[in-house]
Every structure is written in structure tokens, then in C-alpha cells.
Amino acid sequence: MDNKVFGYARVSTKEQNLDRQLIALKKQGINERNIIIDKESGKDLERKGYKSLKEVLLRRGDTLIIKSLDRLSRNKIDIKNELEFFKNKGIRLKVIDLPTTMLDFKKNQAWVFEMVNNILIEVLGTIAQQERAYIRQRQAEGIEAARIKGVHLGRPKAQKPNNWNEIISQWKTGNITAKKAMALTGVKHSTFYNLLKS
């Protein structure tokens, strides 16, 4: 069976235009019926076209061409995992915006492609790891800055309603049930008991 070449194009919304990606993919000689399209966000990999491509269409020895790596996902960890998936399945991934991935190698030079692929996976993994560390650092710095300013982070503390003392007095003397007290004060079960402790 002949190896096939597929293209994948994605935009985040139905209003966005795919023309730029489609022109680039067609320039690679991909048959239009082998170009799979998604008009969905790249926040995760649960996209109809992309799943069909991975689970049904692509076979060992096939090639997948995309315009840029972020067409796979916006998440660098996901991109790294997808690169490893294609590598393990024997599917060649070419990225138009990364010219090194577009080179064709003779059979006895397949190791060069393997090396390029491994470098790409390693670099993306490192970038993703650094981004996670940077995000954690920024969060910690933001929390510390807020703490110094005396800003309370997290959910705002529940405030006692204006009729709280009056209703709680009625509840404590047994004139009304806790359920009735919650209804009269307009607070939920957990909030009611948390306010009692405060």
C-alpha cells in the first residue's frame, strides 16, 4: 500500500479564515481531499478532525504536514506528546514553518530526520517545563505582593446578612428550625454553619 500525505489545518473559531494554511498545504502537493480541517480551539486535543486523522486515517509510513506547530495545540506539553506519538507510530511530521522538518532524506539518512525530531521534542519539553516553572513563580510573586498589600485572595469571606443576629436568636431559642433560619437569612447550608463559627 502506498504511503499517503495528509495536511491538517486549524483555526480557533468558525469566523476565522483558513486560506493562508490551505494555500501553504496545497503548495506541498497535498490532494485537497487529504487536508483535514478543524474550526476549534487548540486548548486541547479533543477535536473531531484531528482525532479522525490520528485514529482512522494516518498509517505507519504516512506523512502529516502542518503550517506551524501551534496548529496541533497551544499547549507545549501536548505538542511534545503529539510529536512523540507520531514518532512512535512511524508517521513523519513536516512543519512548513520549521524548514528543517521539511527536508527529505534518503533511506540511509533516516537517522538525520530522527535526530531533528528528537531535538524538537527535547526543546519543546524544556520550554514547556520552563513555562510551568515561570507560571508558578509569577503566581507565588503575585500572592506575596497581594499579601503584603493586605489583599485577601481566594473566595471572598461570606458576610452576615443584616437580619443575622435576629434570626439566629430565634433559632437558638428554638422558635425556628435551622432550615427556616437559612431561608430567612438567604444563606446556603455550608455558609450558614461557617458564619456561626465566625
N, C-alpha and C. Protein backbone atom coordinates (compact mmCIF):
# COMPACT_ATOMS: atom_id res chain seq x y z
N MET A 1 0.84 -1.20 0.00
CA MET A 1 0.00 0.00 0.00
C MET A 1 0.88 1.24 0.00
N ASP A 2 0.53 2.24 -0.85
CA ASP A 2 1.31 3.46 -0.95
C ASP A 2 1.15 4.30 0.31
N ASN A 3 2.25 4.92 0.70
CA ASN A 3 2.18 5.86 1.82
C ASN A 3 1.49 7.13 1.36
N LYS A 4 0.69 7.71 2.25
CA LYS A 4 -0.09 8.90 1.90
C LYS A 4 0.45 10.13 2.61
N VAL A 5 0.12 11.29 2.04
CA VAL A 5 0.47 12.57 2.63
C VAL A 5 -0.83 13.28 2.98
N PHE A 6 -0.96 13.65 4.24
CA PHE A 6 -2.14 14.37 4.72
C PHE A 6 -1.72 15.77 5.19
N GLY A 7 -2.67 16.68 5.13
CA GLY A 7 -2.46 18.02 5.67
C GLY A 7 -3.47 18.25 6.78
N TYR A 8 -3.10 19.08 7.72
CA TYR A 8 -4.04 19.44 8.79
C TYR A 8 -4.02 20.95 8.98
N ALA A 9 -5.20 21.55 8.97
CA ALA A 9 -5.33 23.00 9.17
C ALA A 9 -6.35 23.24 10.27
N ARG A 10 -6.06 24.24 11.11
CA ARG A 10 -6.97 24.53 12.22
C ARG A 10 -7.03 26.03 12.47
N VAL A 11 -8.24 26.51 12.71
CA VAL A 11 -8.44 27.85 13.27
C VAL A 11 -9.32 27.68 14.50
N SER A 12 -9.28 28.67 15.39
CA SER A 12 -9.95 28.52 16.68
C SER A 12 -11.46 28.73 16.63
N THR A 13 -11.93 29.52 15.65
CA THR A 13 -13.37 29.80 15.59
C THR A 13 -13.86 29.66 14.15
N LYS A 14 -15.17 29.51 14.00
CA LYS A 14 -15.77 29.37 12.67
C LYS A 14 -15.60 30.64 11.83
N GLU A 15 -15.41 31.80 12.51
CA GLU A 15 -15.27 33.07 11.79
C GLU A 15 -13.87 33.26 11.20
N GLN A 16 -12.88 32.58 11.74
CA GLN A 16 -11.51 32.77 11.27
C GLN A 16 -11.30 32.09 9.92
N ASN A 17 -10.31 32.61 9.18
CA ASN A 17 -10.08 32.17 7.81
C ASN A 17 -8.94 31.16 7.72
N LEU A 18 -9.18 30.08 6.98
CA LEU A 18 -8.19 29.01 6.81
C LEU A 18 -7.32 29.18 5.56
N ASP A 19 -7.61 30.20 4.74
CA ASP A 19 -6.98 30.32 3.42
C ASP A 19 -5.46 30.23 3.45
N ARG A 20 -4.84 30.96 4.38
CA ARG A 20 -3.38 31.01 4.44
C ARG A 20 -2.79 29.61 4.64
N GLN A 21 -3.41 28.85 5.55
CA GLN A 21 -2.93 27.49 5.81
C GLN A 21 -3.19 26.57 4.61
N LEU A 22 -4.38 26.70 4.02
CA LEU A 22 -4.75 25.83 2.89
C LEU A 22 -3.84 26.06 1.68
N ILE A 23 -3.53 27.33 1.42
CA ILE A 23 -2.62 27.66 0.30
C ILE A 23 -1.26 27.02 0.54
N ALA A 24 -0.75 27.16 1.79
CA ALA A 24 0.57 26.59 2.12
C ALA A 24 0.57 25.07 1.98
N LEU A 25 -0.52 24.42 2.39
CA LEU A 25 -0.60 22.95 2.32
C LEU A 25 -0.71 22.49 0.86
N LYS A 26 -1.51 23.20 0.07
CA LYS A 26 -1.68 22.82 -1.34
C LYS A 26 -0.37 22.99 -2.11
N LYS A 27 0.45 23.97 -1.70
CA LYS A 27 1.76 24.17 -2.34
C LYS A 27 2.66 22.96 -2.13
N GLN A 28 2.36 22.17 -1.11
CA GLN A 28 3.14 20.95 -0.84
C GLN A 28 2.63 19.77 -1.67
N GLY A 29 1.66 20.03 -2.53
CA GLY A 29 1.14 18.99 -3.43
C GLY A 29 0.14 18.05 -2.78
N ILE A 30 -0.43 18.45 -1.65
CA ILE A 30 -1.40 17.59 -0.96
C ILE A 30 -2.75 17.66 -1.67
N ASN A 31 -3.31 16.50 -1.93
CA ASN A 31 -4.64 16.41 -2.53
C ASN A 31 -5.64 17.06 -1.56
N GLU A 32 -6.52 17.91 -2.07
CA GLU A 32 -7.46 18.65 -1.22
C GLU A 32 -8.29 17.74 -0.32
N ARG A 33 -8.64 16.55 -0.83
CA ARG A 33 -9.47 15.65 0.00
C ARG A 33 -8.67 15.04 1.15
N ASN A 34 -7.33 15.20 1.12
CA ASN A 34 -6.48 14.70 2.21
C ASN A 34 -6.07 15.80 3.18
N ILE A 35 -6.72 16.96 3.06
CA ILE A 35 -6.48 18.04 4.02
C ILE A 35 -7.65 18.05 5.01
N ILE A 36 -7.32 17.78 6.25
CA ILE A 36 -8.33 17.72 7.31
C ILE A 36 -8.38 19.07 8.01
N ILE A 37 -9.61 19.53 8.28
CA ILE A 37 -9.81 20.88 8.83
C ILE A 37 -10.58 20.81 10.14
N ASP A 38 -10.15 21.63 11.09
CA ASP A 38 -10.90 21.84 12.33
C ASP A 38 -11.09 23.33 12.53
N LYS A 39 -12.28 23.70 12.97
CA LYS A 39 -12.53 25.10 13.38
C LYS A 39 -12.87 25.05 14.86
N GLU A 40 -11.85 24.72 15.63
CA GLU A 40 -12.00 24.57 17.08
C GLU A 40 -10.74 25.06 17.77
N SER A 41 -10.88 25.43 19.03
CA SER A 41 -9.76 25.93 19.82
C SER A 41 -8.66 24.87 19.95
N GLY A 42 -7.44 25.34 20.11
CA GLY A 42 -6.31 24.44 20.31
C GLY A 42 -6.01 24.22 21.78
N LYS A 43 -6.99 24.52 22.65
CA LYS A 43 -6.75 24.38 24.09
C LYS A 43 -6.57 22.92 24.50
N ASP A 44 -7.17 22.00 23.74
CA ASP A 44 -6.95 20.58 24.00
C ASP A 44 -6.96 19.84 22.67
N LEU A 45 -6.86 18.50 22.74
CA LEU A 45 -6.74 17.69 21.53
C LEU A 45 -8.06 17.04 21.11
N GLU A 46 -9.14 17.37 21.80
CA GLU A 46 -10.44 16.76 21.53
C GLU A 46 -11.14 17.46 20.37
N ARG A 47 -10.57 17.33 19.19
CA ARG A 47 -11.14 17.97 18.00
C ARG A 47 -11.49 16.88 17.00
N LYS A 48 -12.66 16.97 16.43
CA LYS A 48 -13.22 15.92 15.57
C LYS A 48 -12.28 15.54 14.41
N GLY A 49 -11.85 16.55 13.66
CA GLY A 49 -10.99 16.28 12.50
C GLY A 49 -9.66 15.69 12.90
N TYR A 50 -9.06 16.26 13.93
CA TYR A 50 -7.73 15.80 14.37
C TYR A 50 -7.79 14.37 14.91
N LYS A 51 -8.83 14.07 15.68
CA LYS A 51 -8.98 12.71 16.21
C LYS A 51 -9.17 11.71 15.06
N SER A 52 -9.96 12.08 14.06
CA SER A 52 -10.17 11.22 12.91
C SER A 52 -8.85 10.97 12.17
N LEU A 53 -8.07 12.02 12.04
CA LEU A 53 -6.77 11.93 11.39
C LEU A 53 -5.88 10.91 12.12
N LYS A 54 -5.79 11.05 13.44
CA LYS A 54 -4.92 10.18 14.24
C LYS A 54 -5.45 8.75 14.35
N GLU A 55 -6.76 8.62 14.55
CA GLU A 55 -7.32 7.31 14.88
C GLU A 55 -7.73 6.50 13.66
N VAL A 56 -8.00 7.17 12.53
CA VAL A 56 -8.54 6.45 11.36
C VAL A 56 -7.64 6.56 10.13
N LEU A 57 -7.20 7.76 9.81
CA LEU A 57 -6.56 7.99 8.51
C LEU A 57 -5.07 7.67 8.46
N LEU A 58 -4.30 8.20 9.42
CA LEU A 58 -2.85 8.05 9.36
C LEU A 58 -2.39 6.63 9.66
N ARG A 59 -1.47 6.15 8.84
CA ARG A 59 -0.88 4.82 9.00
C ARG A 59 0.64 4.95 9.04
N ARG A 60 1.30 3.93 9.54
CA ARG A 60 2.76 3.90 9.57
C ARG A 60 3.30 4.19 8.16
N GLY A 61 4.29 5.08 8.07
CA GLY A 61 4.88 5.43 6.79
C GLY A 61 4.24 6.64 6.14
N ASP A 62 3.06 7.07 6.64
CA ASP A 62 2.40 8.26 6.10
C ASP A 62 3.10 9.53 6.58
N THR A 63 2.78 10.64 5.94
CA THR A 63 3.33 11.94 6.31
C THR A 63 2.18 12.90 6.62
N LEU A 64 2.34 13.66 7.69
CA LEU A 64 1.38 14.70 8.04
C LEU A 64 2.10 16.04 7.93
N ILE A 65 1.49 16.98 7.20
CA ILE A 65 2.08 18.31 7.04
C ILE A 65 1.15 19.35 7.67
N ILE A 66 1.75 20.22 8.47
CA ILE A 66 1.00 21.32 9.09
C ILE A 66 1.77 22.62 8.84
N LYS A 67 1.09 23.75 8.95
CA LYS A 67 1.73 25.05 8.71
C LYS A 67 2.68 25.40 9.85
N SER A 68 2.20 25.24 11.09
CA SER A 68 3.03 25.55 12.25
C SER A 68 2.66 24.62 13.40
N LEU A 69 3.57 24.48 14.36
CA LEU A 69 3.35 23.54 15.46
C LEU A 69 2.11 23.87 16.29
N ASP A 70 1.78 25.16 16.40
CA ASP A 70 0.62 25.51 17.22
C ASP A 70 -0.71 25.10 16.60
N ARG A 71 -0.68 24.58 15.36
CA ARG A 71 -1.91 24.03 14.77
C ARG A 71 -2.27 22.73 15.48
N LEU A 72 -1.28 22.03 16.03
CA LEU A 72 -1.56 20.81 16.79
C LEU A 72 -2.21 21.17 18.11
N SER A 73 -1.62 22.15 18.79
CA SER A 73 -2.12 22.55 20.10
C SER A 73 -1.47 23.86 20.50
N ARG A 74 -2.10 24.56 21.45
CA ARG A 74 -1.46 25.75 22.02
C ARG A 74 -0.60 25.36 23.22
N ASN A 75 -0.77 24.13 23.68
CA ASN A 75 -0.09 23.66 24.88
C ASN A 75 1.19 22.93 24.48
N LYS A 76 2.33 23.42 24.95
CA LYS A 76 3.61 22.85 24.53
C LYS A 76 3.79 21.41 25.01
N ILE A 77 3.20 21.07 26.15
CA ILE A 77 3.29 19.68 26.63
C ILE A 77 2.53 18.78 25.67
N ASP A 78 1.33 19.22 25.24
CA ASP A 78 0.56 18.44 24.26
C ASP A 78 1.32 18.29 22.95
N ILE A 79 1.96 19.38 22.50
CA ILE A 79 2.72 19.32 21.24
C ILE A 79 3.83 18.28 21.37
N LYS A 80 4.55 18.32 22.47
CA LYS A 80 5.64 17.36 22.70
C LYS A 80 5.09 15.93 22.66
N ASN A 81 3.96 15.71 23.34
CA ASN A 81 3.35 14.37 23.37
C ASN A 81 2.90 13.93 21.98
N GLU A 82 2.37 14.88 21.19
CA GLU A 82 1.93 14.54 19.84
C GLU A 82 3.13 14.19 18.95
N LEU A 83 4.23 14.92 19.09
CA LEU A 83 5.44 14.61 18.33
C LEU A 83 5.93 13.19 18.66
N GLU A 84 5.88 12.85 19.94
CA GLU A 84 6.30 11.51 20.36
C GLU A 84 5.34 10.45 19.82
N PHE A 85 4.05 10.78 19.80
CA PHE A 85 3.04 9.85 19.26
C PHE A 85 3.35 9.54 17.80
N PHE A 86 3.57 10.59 16.99
CA PHE A 86 3.84 10.39 15.57
C PHE A 86 5.14 9.61 15.36
N LYS A 87 6.14 9.94 16.16
CA LYS A 87 7.43 9.24 16.06
C LYS A 87 7.25 7.75 16.33
N ASN A 88 6.53 7.44 17.42
CA ASN A 88 6.32 6.03 17.80
C ASN A 88 5.46 5.28 16.80
N LYS A 89 4.57 5.98 16.11
CA LYS A 89 3.68 5.33 15.13
C LYS A 89 4.32 5.27 13.74
N GLY A 90 5.53 5.82 13.61
CA GLY A 90 6.20 5.80 12.30
C GLY A 90 5.57 6.74 11.30
N ILE A 91 5.00 7.84 11.80
CA ILE A 91 4.36 8.84 10.93
C ILE A 91 5.28 10.06 10.88
N ARG A 92 5.62 10.49 9.69
CA ARG A 92 6.52 11.64 9.50
C ARG A 92 5.71 12.92 9.64
N LEU A 93 6.17 13.82 10.50
CA LEU A 93 5.51 15.12 10.66
C LEU A 93 6.39 16.19 10.04
N LYS A 94 5.81 16.95 9.10
CA LYS A 94 6.52 18.07 8.49
C LYS A 94 5.81 19.35 8.88
N VAL A 95 6.61 20.34 9.29
CA VAL A 95 6.07 21.63 9.72
C VAL A 95 6.63 22.69 8.79
N ILE A 96 5.75 23.30 8.01
CA ILE A 96 6.18 24.24 6.97
C ILE A 96 7.01 25.38 7.56
N ASP A 97 6.62 25.88 8.74
CA ASP A 97 7.36 26.99 9.36
C ASP A 97 8.67 26.55 10.01
N LEU A 98 8.96 25.25 10.03
CA LEU A 98 10.24 24.73 10.54
C LEU A 98 10.93 24.01 9.38
N PRO A 99 11.66 24.75 8.55
CA PRO A 99 12.20 24.20 7.30
C PRO A 99 12.99 22.90 7.46
N THR A 100 13.70 22.73 8.58
CA THR A 100 14.48 21.51 8.78
C THR A 100 13.60 20.27 8.74
N THR A 101 12.36 20.40 9.22
CA THR A 101 11.46 19.24 9.23
C THR A 101 10.94 18.91 7.84
N MET A 102 11.10 19.86 6.91
CA MET A 102 10.57 19.68 5.55
C MET A 102 11.55 18.94 4.63
N LEU A 103 12.79 18.80 5.08
CA LEU A 103 13.80 18.15 4.24
C LEU A 103 13.46 16.68 4.04
N ASP A 104 13.74 16.19 2.85
CA ASP A 104 13.57 14.76 2.57
C ASP A 104 14.95 14.11 2.61
N PHE A 105 15.02 12.98 3.27
CA PHE A 105 16.28 12.26 3.42
C PHE A 105 16.22 10.94 2.68
N LYS A 106 17.36 10.51 2.19
CA LYS A 106 17.44 9.19 1.58
C LYS A 106 17.27 8.15 2.68
N LYS A 107 16.90 6.96 2.28
CA LYS A 107 16.63 5.89 3.25
C LYS A 107 17.80 5.72 4.23
N ASN A 108 19.03 5.76 3.70
CA ASN A 108 20.18 5.54 4.58
C ASN A 108 20.52 6.77 5.43
N GLN A 109 19.74 7.85 5.27
CA GLN A 109 19.95 9.06 6.08
C GLN A 109 18.77 9.32 7.02
N ALA A 110 17.97 8.31 7.25
CA ALA A 110 16.80 8.46 8.12
C ALA A 110 17.20 8.91 9.53
N TRP A 111 18.43 8.58 9.92
CA TRP A 111 18.90 8.97 11.26
C TRP A 111 18.93 10.49 11.42
N VAL A 112 19.13 11.23 10.30
CA VAL A 112 19.16 12.70 10.37
C VAL A 112 17.78 13.22 10.77
N PHE A 113 16.75 12.67 10.13
CA PHE A 113 15.38 13.06 10.47
C PHE A 113 15.08 12.70 11.93
N GLU A 114 15.51 11.52 12.34
CA GLU A 114 15.31 11.05 13.71
C GLU A 114 15.96 12.04 14.69
N MET A 115 17.16 12.49 14.35
CA MET A 115 17.89 13.42 15.21
C MET A 115 17.14 14.75 15.31
N VAL A 116 16.66 15.27 14.17
CA VAL A 116 15.91 16.54 14.14
C VAL A 116 14.65 16.41 15.00
N ASN A 117 13.96 15.30 14.83
CA ASN A 117 12.73 15.04 15.59
C ASN A 117 13.01 15.01 17.09
N ASN A 118 14.08 14.30 17.49
CA ASN A 118 14.44 14.19 18.91
C ASN A 118 14.80 15.55 19.50
N ILE A 119 15.52 16.36 18.72
CA ILE A 119 15.90 17.70 19.18
C ILE A 119 14.65 18.54 19.40
N LEU A 120 13.72 18.47 18.45
CA LEU A 120 12.47 19.22 18.53
C LEU A 120 11.68 18.83 19.78
N ILE A 121 11.56 17.52 20.01
CA ILE A 121 10.84 17.02 21.19
C ILE A 121 11.52 17.51 22.48
N GLU A 122 12.84 17.41 22.52
CA GLU A 122 13.60 17.82 23.70
C GLU A 122 13.45 19.31 23.97
N VAL A 123 13.58 20.12 22.91
CA VAL A 123 13.47 21.58 23.05
C VAL A 123 12.08 21.96 23.55
N LEU A 124 11.04 21.37 22.95
CA LEU A 124 9.67 21.68 23.37
C LEU A 124 9.41 21.26 24.81
N GLY A 125 9.94 20.10 25.17
CA GLY A 125 9.78 19.63 26.55
C GLY A 125 10.42 20.59 27.54
N THR A 126 11.61 21.07 27.20
CA THR A 126 12.33 22.01 28.06
C THR A 126 11.58 23.33 28.16
N ILE A 127 11.11 23.84 27.02
CA ILE A 127 10.36 25.10 27.01
C ILE A 127 9.10 24.96 27.87
N ALA A 128 8.38 23.85 27.70
CA ALA A 128 7.14 23.64 28.46
C ALA A 128 7.44 23.59 29.96
N GLN A 129 8.54 22.92 30.32
CA GLN A 129 8.92 22.80 31.73
C GLN A 129 9.27 24.19 32.29
N GLN A 130 10.02 24.98 31.53
CA GLN A 130 10.39 26.32 31.96
C GLN A 130 9.16 27.21 32.09
N GLU A 131 8.21 27.07 31.16
CA GLU A 131 6.98 27.86 31.22
C GLU A 131 6.19 27.54 32.48
N ARG A 132 6.10 26.23 32.81
CA ARG A 132 5.37 25.83 34.04
C ARG A 132 6.03 26.44 35.27
N ALA A 133 7.38 26.38 35.32
CA ALA A 133 8.12 26.93 36.46
C ALA A 133 7.92 28.45 36.54
N TYR A 134 7.92 29.12 35.37
CA TYR A 134 7.75 30.57 35.31
C TYR A 134 6.35 30.96 35.79
N ILE A 135 5.34 30.19 35.36
CA ILE A 135 3.96 30.47 35.78
C ILE A 135 3.84 30.32 37.30
N ARG A 136 4.42 29.24 37.85
CA ARG A 136 4.37 29.03 39.31
C ARG A 136 5.07 30.17 40.05
N GLN A 137 6.22 30.62 39.50
CA GLN A 137 6.96 31.71 40.12
C GLN A 137 6.13 33.00 40.11
N ARG A 138 5.51 33.31 38.97
CA ARG A 138 4.69 34.53 38.87
C ARG A 138 3.51 34.46 39.84
N GLN A 139 2.89 33.27 39.95
CA GLN A 139 1.77 33.11 40.88
C GLN A 139 2.21 33.37 42.31
N ALA A 140 3.36 32.77 42.68
CA ALA A 140 3.88 32.94 44.04
C ALA A 140 4.20 34.41 44.32
N GLU A 141 4.81 35.08 43.33
CA GLU A 141 5.15 36.50 43.50
C GLU A 141 3.87 37.35 43.62
N GLY A 142 2.87 37.01 42.82
CA GLY A 142 1.60 37.74 42.87
C GLY A 142 0.90 37.56 44.21
N ILE A 143 0.92 36.34 44.73
CA ILE A 143 0.30 36.06 46.03
C ILE A 143 1.02 36.82 47.14
N GLU A 144 2.36 36.80 47.09
CA GLU A 144 3.16 37.51 48.10
C GLU A 144 2.91 39.02 48.04
N ALA A 145 2.86 39.59 46.82
CA ALA A 145 2.61 41.02 46.66
C ALA A 145 1.22 41.38 47.21
N ALA A 146 0.25 40.53 46.95
CA ALA A 146 -1.11 40.78 47.45
C ALA A 146 -1.14 40.69 48.98
N ARG A 147 -0.41 39.70 49.52
CA ARG A 147 -0.38 39.52 50.98
C ARG A 147 0.22 40.75 51.66
N ILE A 148 1.31 41.29 51.06
CA ILE A 148 1.97 42.48 51.62
C ILE A 148 1.00 43.66 51.63
N LYS A 149 0.18 43.77 50.57
CA LYS A 149 -0.80 44.86 50.47
C LYS A 149 -2.02 44.62 51.35
N GLY A 150 -2.09 43.42 51.94
CA GLY A 150 -3.23 43.09 52.78
C GLY A 150 -4.46 42.66 52.01
N VAL A 151 -4.26 42.26 50.75
CA VAL A 151 -5.37 41.82 49.90
C VAL A 151 -5.68 40.37 50.22
N HIS A 152 -6.95 40.08 50.44
CA HIS A 152 -7.38 38.70 50.69
C HIS A 152 -7.56 37.99 49.36
N LEU A 153 -6.88 36.85 49.20
CA LEU A 153 -7.01 36.06 47.97
C LEU A 153 -7.97 34.90 48.19
N GLY A 154 -8.49 34.39 47.12
CA GLY A 154 -9.45 33.29 47.21
C GLY A 154 -10.86 33.83 47.25
N ARG A 155 -11.77 32.96 47.65
CA ARG A 155 -13.17 33.40 47.71
C ARG A 155 -13.34 34.48 48.75
N PRO A 156 -14.20 35.47 48.45
CA PRO A 156 -14.45 36.49 49.48
C PRO A 156 -15.17 35.85 50.66
N LYS A 157 -14.83 36.35 51.86
CA LYS A 157 -15.48 35.81 53.05
C LYS A 157 -16.96 36.15 53.02
N ALA A 158 -17.77 35.18 53.43
CA ALA A 158 -19.23 35.40 53.45
C ALA A 158 -19.56 36.46 54.51
N GLN A 159 -20.44 37.35 54.15
CA GLN A 159 -20.88 38.41 55.07
C GLN A 159 -22.19 38.01 55.73
N LYS A 160 -22.32 38.35 57.01
CA LYS A 160 -23.56 38.06 57.72
C LYS A 160 -24.63 39.02 57.21
N PRO A 161 -25.81 38.48 56.86
CA PRO A 161 -26.90 39.35 56.41
C PRO A 161 -27.35 40.29 57.53
N ASN A 162 -28.03 41.36 57.16
CA ASN A 162 -28.47 42.37 58.14
C ASN A 162 -29.35 41.78 59.24
N ASN A 163 -30.15 40.76 58.89
CA ASN A 163 -31.09 40.18 59.88
C ASN A 163 -30.47 38.99 60.63
N TRP A 164 -29.16 38.79 60.49
CA TRP A 164 -28.49 37.60 61.05
C TRP A 164 -28.73 37.44 62.55
N ASN A 165 -28.40 38.46 63.32
CA ASN A 165 -28.48 38.33 64.79
C ASN A 165 -29.91 38.02 65.25
N GLU A 166 -30.87 38.70 64.63
CA GLU A 166 -32.29 38.49 64.99
C GLU A 166 -32.73 37.04 64.69
N ILE A 167 -32.40 36.56 63.50
CA ILE A 167 -32.81 35.21 63.08
C ILE A 167 -32.09 34.14 63.91
N ILE A 168 -30.80 34.34 64.18
CA ILE A 168 -30.02 33.36 64.95
C ILE A 168 -30.57 33.28 66.38
N SER A 169 -30.99 34.40 66.93
CA SER A 169 -31.60 34.40 68.27
C SER A 169 -32.86 33.53 68.28
N GLN A 170 -33.68 33.69 67.23
CA GLN A 170 -34.91 32.88 67.12
C GLN A 170 -34.56 31.40 66.99
N TRP A 171 -33.51 31.11 66.24
CA TRP A 171 -33.11 29.70 66.03
C TRP A 171 -32.56 29.10 67.33
N LYS A 172 -31.73 29.89 68.04
CA LYS A 172 -31.11 29.40 69.28
C LYS A 172 -32.15 29.15 70.37
N THR A 173 -33.24 29.92 70.37
CA THR A 173 -34.29 29.72 71.37
C THR A 173 -35.28 28.64 70.95
N GLY A 174 -35.09 28.10 69.72
CA GLY A 174 -35.94 27.01 69.26
C GLY A 174 -37.23 27.45 68.62
N ASN A 175 -37.37 28.76 68.36
CA ASN A 175 -38.59 29.26 67.73
C ASN A 175 -38.67 28.91 66.25
N ILE A 176 -37.51 28.76 65.60
CA ILE A 176 -37.48 28.36 64.18
C ILE A 176 -36.43 27.28 63.99
N THR A 177 -36.58 26.51 62.92
CA THR A 177 -35.59 25.47 62.60
C THR A 177 -34.39 26.09 61.87
N ALA A 178 -33.31 25.32 61.79
CA ALA A 178 -32.12 25.79 61.06
C ALA A 178 -32.49 26.03 59.60
N LYS A 179 -33.32 25.15 59.04
CA LYS A 179 -33.73 25.28 57.65
C LYS A 179 -34.48 26.60 57.43
N LYS A 180 -35.35 26.94 58.37
CA LYS A 180 -36.12 28.19 58.29
C LYS A 180 -35.17 29.38 58.43
N ALA A 181 -34.18 29.25 59.33
CA ALA A 181 -33.20 30.33 59.55
C ALA A 181 -32.41 30.57 58.27
N MET A 182 -32.02 29.48 57.58
CA MET A 182 -31.28 29.61 56.32
C MET A 182 -32.13 30.33 55.27
N ALA A 183 -33.41 29.95 55.21
CA ALA A 183 -34.32 30.57 54.23
C ALA A 183 -34.48 32.06 54.53
N LEU A 184 -34.64 32.42 55.81
CA LEU A 184 -34.86 33.82 56.20
C LEU A 184 -33.61 34.68 56.01
N THR A 185 -32.44 34.07 56.21
CA THR A 185 -31.19 34.84 56.04
C THR A 185 -30.69 34.78 54.60
N GLY A 186 -31.21 33.82 53.82
CA GLY A 186 -30.82 33.70 52.41
C GLY A 186 -29.42 33.13 52.20
N VAL A 187 -28.97 32.31 53.17
CA VAL A 187 -27.63 31.71 53.01
C VAL A 187 -27.76 30.19 52.85
N LYS A 188 -26.75 29.61 52.21
CA LYS A 188 -26.74 28.16 51.99
C LYS A 188 -26.31 27.44 53.26
N HIS A 189 -26.54 26.13 53.27
CA HIS A 189 -26.25 25.27 54.42
C HIS A 189 -24.82 25.45 54.94
N SER A 190 -23.82 25.28 54.03
CA SER A 190 -22.41 25.37 54.47
C SER A 190 -22.07 26.77 54.96
N THR A 191 -22.57 27.79 54.25
CA THR A 191 -22.31 29.18 54.64
C THR A 191 -22.91 29.47 56.01
N PHE A 192 -24.12 28.97 56.22
CA PHE A 192 -24.81 29.18 57.50
C PHE A 192 -23.96 28.70 58.65
N TYR A 193 -23.43 27.47 58.57
CA TYR A 193 -22.64 26.90 59.67
C TYR A 193 -21.26 27.54 59.76
N ASN A 194 -20.72 28.00 58.62
CA ASN A 194 -19.44 28.72 58.68
C ASN A 194 -19.59 30.06 59.37
N LEU A 195 -20.69 30.75 59.10
CA LEU A 195 -20.95 32.04 59.74
C LEU A 195 -21.19 31.88 61.23
N LEU A 196 -21.74 30.75 61.64
CA LEU A 196 -21.96 30.51 63.07
C LEU A 196 -20.63 30.44 63.80
N LYS A 197 -19.59 29.94 63.12
CA LYS A 197 -18.26 29.79 63.75
C LYS A 197 -17.53 31.12 63.82
N SER A 198 -17.91 32.06 62.94
CA SER A 198 -17.13 33.32 62.86
C SER A 198 -17.55 34.32 63.92
